[in-house]
PDB file of N, CA and C in Angstrom:
ATOM      1  N   MET A   1      13.410   5.477  24.385  1.00  0.00           N
ATOM      2  CA  MET A   1      12.763   6.418  23.497  1.00  0.00           C
ATOM      3  C   MET A   1      13.180   7.826  23.908  1.00  0.00           C
ATOM      4  N   GLU A   2      13.532   8.618  22.921  1.00  0.00           N
ATOM      5  CA  GLU A   2      13.938   9.990  23.180  1.00  0.00           C
ATOM      6  C   GLU A   2      12.809  10.936  22.797  1.00  0.00           C
ATOM      7  N   THR A   3      12.898  12.167  23.256  1.00  0.00           N
ATOM      8  CA  THR A   3      11.888  13.168  22.925  1.00  0.00           C
ATOM      9  C   THR A   3      12.554  14.359  22.244  1.00  0.00           C
ATOM     10  N   THR A   4      11.739  15.157  21.584  1.00  0.00           N
ATOM     11  CA  THR A   4      12.196  16.391  20.959  1.00  0.00           C
ATOM     12  C   THR A   4      11.098  17.424  21.126  1.00  0.00           C
ATOM     13  N   THR A   5      11.414  18.674  20.861  1.00  0.00           N
ATOM     14  CA  THR A   5      10.460  19.761  21.065  1.00  0.00           C
ATOM     15  C   THR A   5      10.266  20.531  19.762  1.00  0.00           C
ATOM     16  N   LEU A   6       9.041  20.886  19.476  1.00  0.00           N
ATOM     17  CA  LEU A   6       8.717  21.694  18.307  1.00  0.00           C
ATOM     18  C   LEU A   6       9.105  23.136  18.590  1.00  0.00           C
ATOM     19  N   SER A   7       9.925  23.727  17.729  1.00  0.00           N
ATOM     20  CA  SER A   7      10.388  25.097  17.948  1.00  0.00           C
ATOM     21  C   SER A   7       9.310  26.105  17.551  1.00  0.00           C
ATOM     22  N   THR A   8       9.575  27.367  17.823  1.00  0.00           N
ATOM     23  CA  THR A   8       8.637  28.434  17.443  1.00  0.00           C
ATOM     24  C   THR A   8       8.545  28.567  15.926  1.00  0.00           C
ATOM     25  N   LYS A   9       9.528  28.007  15.201  1.00  0.00           N
ATOM     26  CA  LYS A   9       9.507  28.007  13.739  1.00  0.00           C
ATOM     27  C   LYS A   9       8.936  26.692  13.207  1.00  0.00           C
ATOM     28  N   TYR A  10       8.324  25.903  14.087  1.00  0.00           N
ATOM     29  CA  TYR A  10       7.715  24.615  13.744  1.00  0.00           C
ATOM     30  C   TYR A  10       8.747  23.616  13.208  1.00  0.00           C
ATOM     31  N   GLN A  11       9.944  23.634  13.778  1.00  0.00           N
ATOM     32  CA  GLN A  11      10.989  22.709  13.386  1.00  0.00           C
ATOM     33  C   GLN A  11      11.242  21.716  14.507  1.00  0.00           C
ATOM     34  N   LEU A  12      11.605  20.486  14.106  1.00  0.00           N
ATOM     35  CA  LEU A  12      11.970  19.447  15.064  1.00  0.00           C
ATOM     36  C   LEU A  12      13.429  19.071  14.843  1.00  0.00           C
ATOM     37  N   VAL A  13      14.126  18.755  15.912  1.00  0.00           N
ATOM     38  CA  VAL A  13      15.482  18.233  15.810  1.00  0.00           C
ATOM     39  C   VAL A  13      15.408  16.741  16.112  1.00  0.00           C
ATOM     40  N   LEU A  14      15.908  15.951  15.178  1.00  0.00           N
ATOM     41  CA  LEU A  14      15.933  14.504  15.406  1.00  0.00           C
ATOM     42  C   LEU A  14      17.087  14.190  16.354  1.00  0.00           C
ATOM     43  N   PRO A  15      16.843  13.409  17.385  1.00  0.00           N
ATOM     44  CA  PRO A  15      17.910  13.067  18.325  1.00  0.00           C
ATOM     45  C   PRO A  15      19.101  12.416  17.613  1.00  0.00           C
ATOM     46  N   LYS A  16      20.293  12.717  18.095  1.00  0.00           N
ATOM     47  CA  LYS A  16      21.522  12.250  17.468  1.00  0.00           C
ATOM     48  C   LYS A  16      21.558  10.737  17.317  1.00  0.00           C
ATOM     49  N   ALA A  17      21.154  10.002  18.328  1.00  0.00           N
ATOM     50  CA  ALA A  17      21.185   8.540  18.257  1.00  0.00           C
ATOM     51  C   ALA A  17      20.311   8.039  17.103  1.00  0.00           C
ATOM     52  N   LEU A  18      19.158   8.649  16.896  1.00  0.00           N
ATOM     53  CA  LEU A  18      18.264   8.265  15.802  1.00  0.00           C
ATOM     54  C   LEU A  18      18.889   8.616  14.456  1.00  0.00           C
ATOM     55  N   ARG A  19      19.440   9.832  14.335  1.00  0.00           N
ATOM     56  CA  ARG A  19      20.079  10.246  13.077  1.00  0.00           C
ATOM     57  C   ARG A  19      21.190   9.292  12.690  1.00  0.00           C
ATOM     58  N   GLU A  20      21.999   8.923  13.675  1.00  0.00           N
ATOM     59  CA  GLU A  20      23.124   8.040  13.382  1.00  0.00           C
ATOM     60  C   GLU A  20      22.667   6.616  13.060  1.00  0.00           C
ATOM     61  N   SER A  21      21.693   6.100  13.791  1.00  0.00           N
ATOM     62  CA  SER A  21      21.241   4.731  13.548  1.00  0.00           C
ATOM     63  C   SER A  21      20.537   4.598  12.198  1.00  0.00           C
ATOM     64  N   MET A  22      19.883   5.658  11.752  1.00  0.00           N
ATOM     65  CA  MET A  22      19.172   5.635  10.471  1.00  0.00           C
ATOM     66  C   MET A  22      20.021   6.187   9.324  1.00  0.00           C
ATOM     67  N   ASN A  23      21.221   6.647   9.645  1.00  0.00           N
ATOM     68  CA  ASN A  23      22.160   7.188   8.657  1.00  0.00           C
ATOM     69  C   ASN A  23      21.581   8.381   7.903  1.00  0.00           C
ATOM     70  N   PHE A  24      20.850   9.259   8.600  1.00  0.00           N
ATOM     71  CA  PHE A  24      20.315  10.475   7.997  1.00  0.00           C
ATOM     72  C   PHE A  24      21.438  11.478   7.811  1.00  0.00           C
ATOM     73  N   LYS A  25      21.348  12.269   6.737  1.00  0.00           N
ATOM     74  CA  LYS A  25      22.355  13.262   6.403  1.00  0.00           C
ATOM     75  C   LYS A  25      21.720  14.647   6.347  1.00  0.00           C
ATOM     76  N   PRO A  26      22.495  15.700   6.610  1.00  0.00           N
ATOM     77  CA  PRO A  26      21.964  17.057   6.487  1.00  0.00           C
ATOM     78  C   PRO A  26      21.436  17.306   5.077  1.00  0.00           C
ATOM     79  N   GLY A  27      20.294  17.947   4.978  1.00  0.00           N
ATOM     80  CA  GLY A  27      19.696  18.245   3.682  1.00  0.00           C
ATOM     81  C   GLY A  27      18.849  17.121   3.114  1.00  0.00           C
ATOM     82  N   GLN A  28      18.828  15.977   3.779  1.00  0.00           N
ATOM     83  CA  GLN A  28      18.030  14.855   3.296  1.00  0.00           C
ATOM     84  C   GLN A  28      16.554  15.226   3.338  1.00  0.00           C
ATOM     85  N   ARG A  29      15.810  14.783   2.343  1.00  0.00           N
ATOM     86  CA  ARG A  29      14.383  15.108   2.246  1.00  0.00           C
ATOM     87  C   ARG A  29      13.540  13.947   2.754  1.00  0.00           C
ATOM     88  N   PHE A  30      12.355  14.296   3.277  1.00  0.00           N
ATOM     89  CA  PHE A  30      11.434  13.303   3.824  1.00  0.00           C
ATOM     90  C   PHE A  30      10.033  13.578   3.314  1.00  0.00           C
ATOM     91  N   MET A  31       9.278  12.506   3.114  1.00  0.00           N
ATOM     92  CA  MET A  31       7.843  12.635   2.892  1.00  0.00           C
ATOM     93  C   MET A  31       7.205  12.576   4.276  1.00  0.00           C
ATOM     94  N   VAL A  32       6.264  13.466   4.534  1.00  0.00           N
ATOM     95  CA  VAL A  32       5.618  13.529   5.848  1.00  0.00           C
ATOM     96  C   VAL A  32       4.124  13.400   5.648  1.00  0.00           C
ATOM     97  N   ARG A  33       3.515  12.548   6.461  1.00  0.00           N
ATOM     98  CA  ARG A  33       2.062  12.377   6.350  1.00  0.00           C
ATOM     99  C   ARG A  33       1.477  12.078   7.718  1.00  0.00           C
ATOM    100  N   ALA A  34       0.215  12.438   7.847  1.00  0.00           N
ATOM    101  CA  ALA A  34      -0.508  12.130   9.075  1.00  0.00           C
ATOM    102  C   ALA A  34      -0.905  10.663   9.041  1.00  0.00           C
ATOM    103  N   SER A  35      -0.817  10.013  10.167  1.00  0.00           N
ATOM    104  CA  SER A  35      -1.239   8.620  10.263  1.00  0.00           C
ATOM    105  C   SER A  35      -2.238   8.492  11.397  1.00  0.00           C
ATOM    106  N   GLU A  36      -2.727   7.305  11.582  1.00  0.00           N
ATOM    107  CA  GLU A  36      -3.720   7.039  12.623  1.00  0.00           C
ATOM    108  C   GLU A  36      -3.191   7.380  14.020  1.00  0.00           C
ATOM    109  N   HIS A  37      -1.888   7.183  14.219  1.00  0.00           N
ATOM    110  CA  HIS A  37      -1.309   7.354  15.551  1.00  0.00           C
ATOM    111  C   HIS A  37      -0.404   8.568  15.685  1.00  0.00           C
ATOM    112  N   GLY A  38      -0.267   9.373  14.638  1.00  0.00           N
ATOM    113  CA  GLY A  38       0.602  10.544  14.725  1.00  0.00           C
ATOM    114  C   GLY A  38       1.111  10.968  13.363  1.00  0.00           C
ATOM    115  N   ILE A  39       2.426  11.164  13.261  1.00  0.00           N
ATOM    116  CA  ILE A  39       3.057  11.627  12.035  1.00  0.00           C
ATOM    117  C   ILE A  39       4.071  10.589  11.582  1.00  0.00           C
ATOM    118  N   GLU A  40       4.102  10.310  10.294  1.00  0.00           N
ATOM    119  CA  GLU A  40       5.100   9.412   9.722  1.00  0.00           C
ATOM    120  C   GLU A  40       6.040  10.223   8.853  1.00  0.00           C
ATOM    121  N   MET A  41       7.325   9.950   8.973  1.00  0.00           N
ATOM    122  CA  MET A  41       8.342  10.574   8.129  1.00  0.00           C
ATOM    123  C   MET A  41       9.061   9.463   7.379  1.00  0.00           C
ATOM    124  N   LEU A  42       9.043   9.537   6.058  1.00  0.00           N
ATOM    125  CA  LEU A  42       9.691   8.531   5.231  1.00  0.00           C
ATOM    126  C   LEU A  42      10.787   9.200   4.423  1.00  0.00           C
ATOM    127  N   PRO A  43      12.024   8.720   4.530  1.00  0.00           N
ATOM    128  CA  PRO A  43      13.093   9.347   3.752  1.00  0.00           C
ATOM    129  C   PRO A  43      12.846   9.189   2.260  1.00  0.00           C
ATOM    130  N   CYS A  44      13.062  10.258   1.511  1.00  0.00           N
ATOM    131  CA  CYS A  44      12.958  10.216   0.052  1.00  0.00           C
ATOM    132  C   CYS A  44      14.265   9.670  -0.488  1.00  0.00           C
ATOM    133  N   GLU A  45      14.159   8.717  -1.378  1.00  0.00           N
ATOM    134  CA  GLU A  45      15.340   8.146  -2.008  1.00  0.00           C
ATOM    135  C   GLU A  45      15.529   8.799  -3.372  1.00  0.00           C
ATOM    136  N   PRO A  46      16.758   9.165  -3.717  1.00  0.00           N
ATOM    137  CA  PRO A  46      16.986   9.726  -5.052  1.00  0.00           C
ATOM    138  C   PRO A  46      16.729   8.663  -6.116  1.00  0.00           C
ATOM    139  N   VAL A  47      16.373   9.102  -7.311  1.00  0.00           N
ATOM    140  CA  VAL A  47      16.082   8.173  -8.398  1.00  0.00           C
ATOM    141  C   VAL A  47      17.286   7.272  -8.656  1.00  0.00           C
ATOM    142  N   SER A  48      18.485   7.799  -8.473  1.00  0.00           N
ATOM    143  CA  SER A  48      19.687   6.996  -8.713  1.00  0.00           C
ATOM    144  C   SER A  48      19.755   5.782  -7.789  1.00  0.00           C
ATOM    145  N   ALA A  49      19.093   5.852  -6.634  1.00  0.00           N
ATOM    146  CA  ALA A  49      19.093   4.717  -5.707  1.00  0.00           C
ATOM    147  C   ALA A  49      18.293   3.540  -6.259  1.00  0.00           C
ATOM    148  N   LEU A  50      17.430   3.796  -7.243  1.00  0.00           N
ATOM    149  CA  LEU A  50      16.607   2.737  -7.833  1.00  0.00           C
ATOM    150  C   LEU A  50      17.345   1.950  -8.906  1.00  0.00           C
ATOM    151  N   ARG A  51      18.490   2.479  -9.347  1.00  0.00           N
ATOM    152  CA  ARG A  51      19.228   1.821 -10.420  1.00  0.00           C
ATOM    153  C   ARG A  51      19.555   0.378 -10.043  1.00  0.00           C
ATOM    154  N   GLY A  52      19.163  -0.536 -10.909  1.00  0.00           N
ATOM    155  CA  GLY A  52      19.505  -1.938 -10.729  1.00  0.00           C
ATOM    156  C   GLY A  52      18.552  -2.744  -9.873  1.00  0.00           C
ATOM    157  N   PHE A  53      17.500  -2.126  -9.325  1.00  0.00           N
ATOM    158  CA  PHE A  53      16.642  -2.904  -8.425  1.00  0.00           C
ATOM    159  C   PHE A  53      15.802  -3.949  -9.158  1.00  0.00           C
ATOM    160  N   LEU A  54      15.692  -3.835 -10.476  1.00  0.00           N
ATOM    161  CA  LEU A  54      14.970  -4.845 -11.259  1.00  0.00           C
ATOM    162  C   LEU A  54      15.921  -5.771 -12.008  1.00  0.00           C
ATOM    163  N   GLU A  55      17.186  -5.742 -11.661  1.00  0.00           N
ATOM    164  CA  GLU A  55      18.161  -6.579 -12.346  1.00  0.00           C
ATOM    165  C   GLU A  55      17.737  -8.049 -12.271  1.00  0.00           C
ATOM    166  N   GLY A  56      17.732  -8.682 -13.411  1.00  0.00           N
ATOM    167  CA  GLY A  56      17.367 -10.089 -13.472  1.00  0.00           C
ATOM    168  C   GLY A  56      15.875 -10.339 -13.641  1.00  0.00           C
ATOM    169  N   ALA A  57      15.069  -9.274 -13.624  1.00  0.00           N
ATOM    170  CA  ALA A  57      13.622  -9.445 -13.775  1.00  0.00           C
ATOM    171  C   ALA A  57      13.292  -9.822 -15.219  1.00  0.00           C
ATOM    172  N   ASP A  58      12.300 -10.655 -15.410  1.00  0.00           N
ATOM    173  CA  ASP A  58      11.859 -11.058 -16.730  1.00  0.00           C
ATOM    174  C   ASP A  58      10.969  -9.956 -17.279  1.00  0.00           C
ATOM    175  N   THR A  59      11.431  -9.268 -18.309  1.00  0.00           N
ATOM    176  CA  THR A  59      10.664  -8.157 -18.880  1.00  0.00           C
ATOM    177  C   THR A  59       9.882  -8.565 -20.120  1.00  0.00           C
ATOM    178  N   CYS A  60       9.910  -9.828 -20.458  1.00  0.00           N
ATOM    179  CA  CYS A  60       9.189 -10.321 -21.629  1.00  0.00           C
ATOM    180  C   CYS A  60       7.721 -10.523 -21.238  1.00  0.00           C
ATOM    181  N   LEU A  61       6.848  -9.762 -21.867  1.00  0.00           N
ATOM    182  CA  LEU A  61       5.417  -9.858 -21.565  1.00  0.00           C
ATOM    183  C   LEU A  61       4.631 -10.508 -22.703  1.00  0.00           C
ATOM    184  N   ASP A  62       5.340 -11.128 -23.664  1.00  0.00           N
ATOM    185  CA  ASP A  62       4.662 -11.729 -24.812  1.00  0.00           C
ATOM    186  C   ASP A  62       3.618 -12.754 -24.402  1.00  0.00           C
ATOM    187  N   ASP A  63       3.880 -13.497 -23.350  1.00  0.00           N
ATOM    188  CA  ASP A  63       2.931 -14.525 -22.950  1.00  0.00           C
ATOM    189  C   ASP A  63       1.721 -13.947 -22.225  1.00  0.00           C
ATOM    190  N   ILE A  64       1.777 -12.693 -21.823  1.00  0.00           N
ATOM    191  CA  ILE A  64       0.673 -12.072 -21.091  1.00  0.00           C
ATOM    192  C   ILE A  64      -0.195 -11.239 -22.030  1.00  0.00           C
ATOM    193  N   ARG A  65       0.454 -10.519 -22.931  1.00  0.00           N
ATOM    194  CA  ARG A  65      -0.283  -9.593 -23.777  1.00  0.00           C
ATOM    195  C   ARG A  65       0.368  -9.526 -25.156  1.00  0.00           C
ATOM    196  N   THR A  66      -0.421  -9.574 -26.196  1.00  0.00           N
ATOM    197  CA  THR A  66       0.103  -9.436 -27.548  1.00  0.00           C
ATOM    198  C   THR A  66      -0.449  -8.155 -28.154  1.00  0.00           C
ATOM    199  N   ARG A  67       0.060  -7.801 -29.319  1.00  0.00           N
ATOM    200  CA  ARG A  67      -0.391  -6.578 -29.969  1.00  0.00           C
ATOM    201  C   ARG A  67      -1.889  -6.618 -30.279  1.00  0.00           C
ATOM    202  N   ASP A  68      -2.430  -7.794 -30.551  1.00  0.00           N
ATOM    203  CA  ASP A  68      -3.853  -7.924 -30.862  1.00  0.00           C
ATOM    204  C   ASP A  68      -4.741  -7.670 -29.645  1.00  0.00           C
ATOM    205  N   ASP A  69      -4.157  -7.765 -28.447  1.00  0.00           N
ATOM    206  CA  ASP A  69      -4.945  -7.562 -27.221  1.00  0.00           C
ATOM    207  C   ASP A  69      -5.151  -6.106 -26.891  1.00  0.00           C
ATOM    208  N   ARG A  70      -4.381  -5.218 -27.503  1.00  0.00           N
ATOM    209  CA  ARG A  70      -4.496  -3.783 -27.168  1.00  0.00           C
ATOM    210  C   ARG A  70      -5.848  -3.240 -27.559  1.00  0.00           C
ATOM    211  N   VAL A  71      -6.316  -2.312 -26.771  1.00  0.00           N
ATOM    212  CA  VAL A  71      -7.613  -1.709 -27.040  1.00  0.00           C
ATOM    213  C   VAL A  71      -7.405  -0.335 -27.632  1.00  0.00           C
TER     214      VAL A  71
END
């Protein structure tokens, strides 16, 4: 486990080994939130990364809901 230090500008530098293993790039955005044990950083994925993730999914909902079921 490596450590880092919070700068006077409240910035952290991610250790090189972590950046390389996670394939982080300069300018990459992260969602940051407080958790029970500290801080979580989750990389934000561009919308284009979602393309095709539902490929092959059955989008027919006729058997679940019909027009008469709408409220």
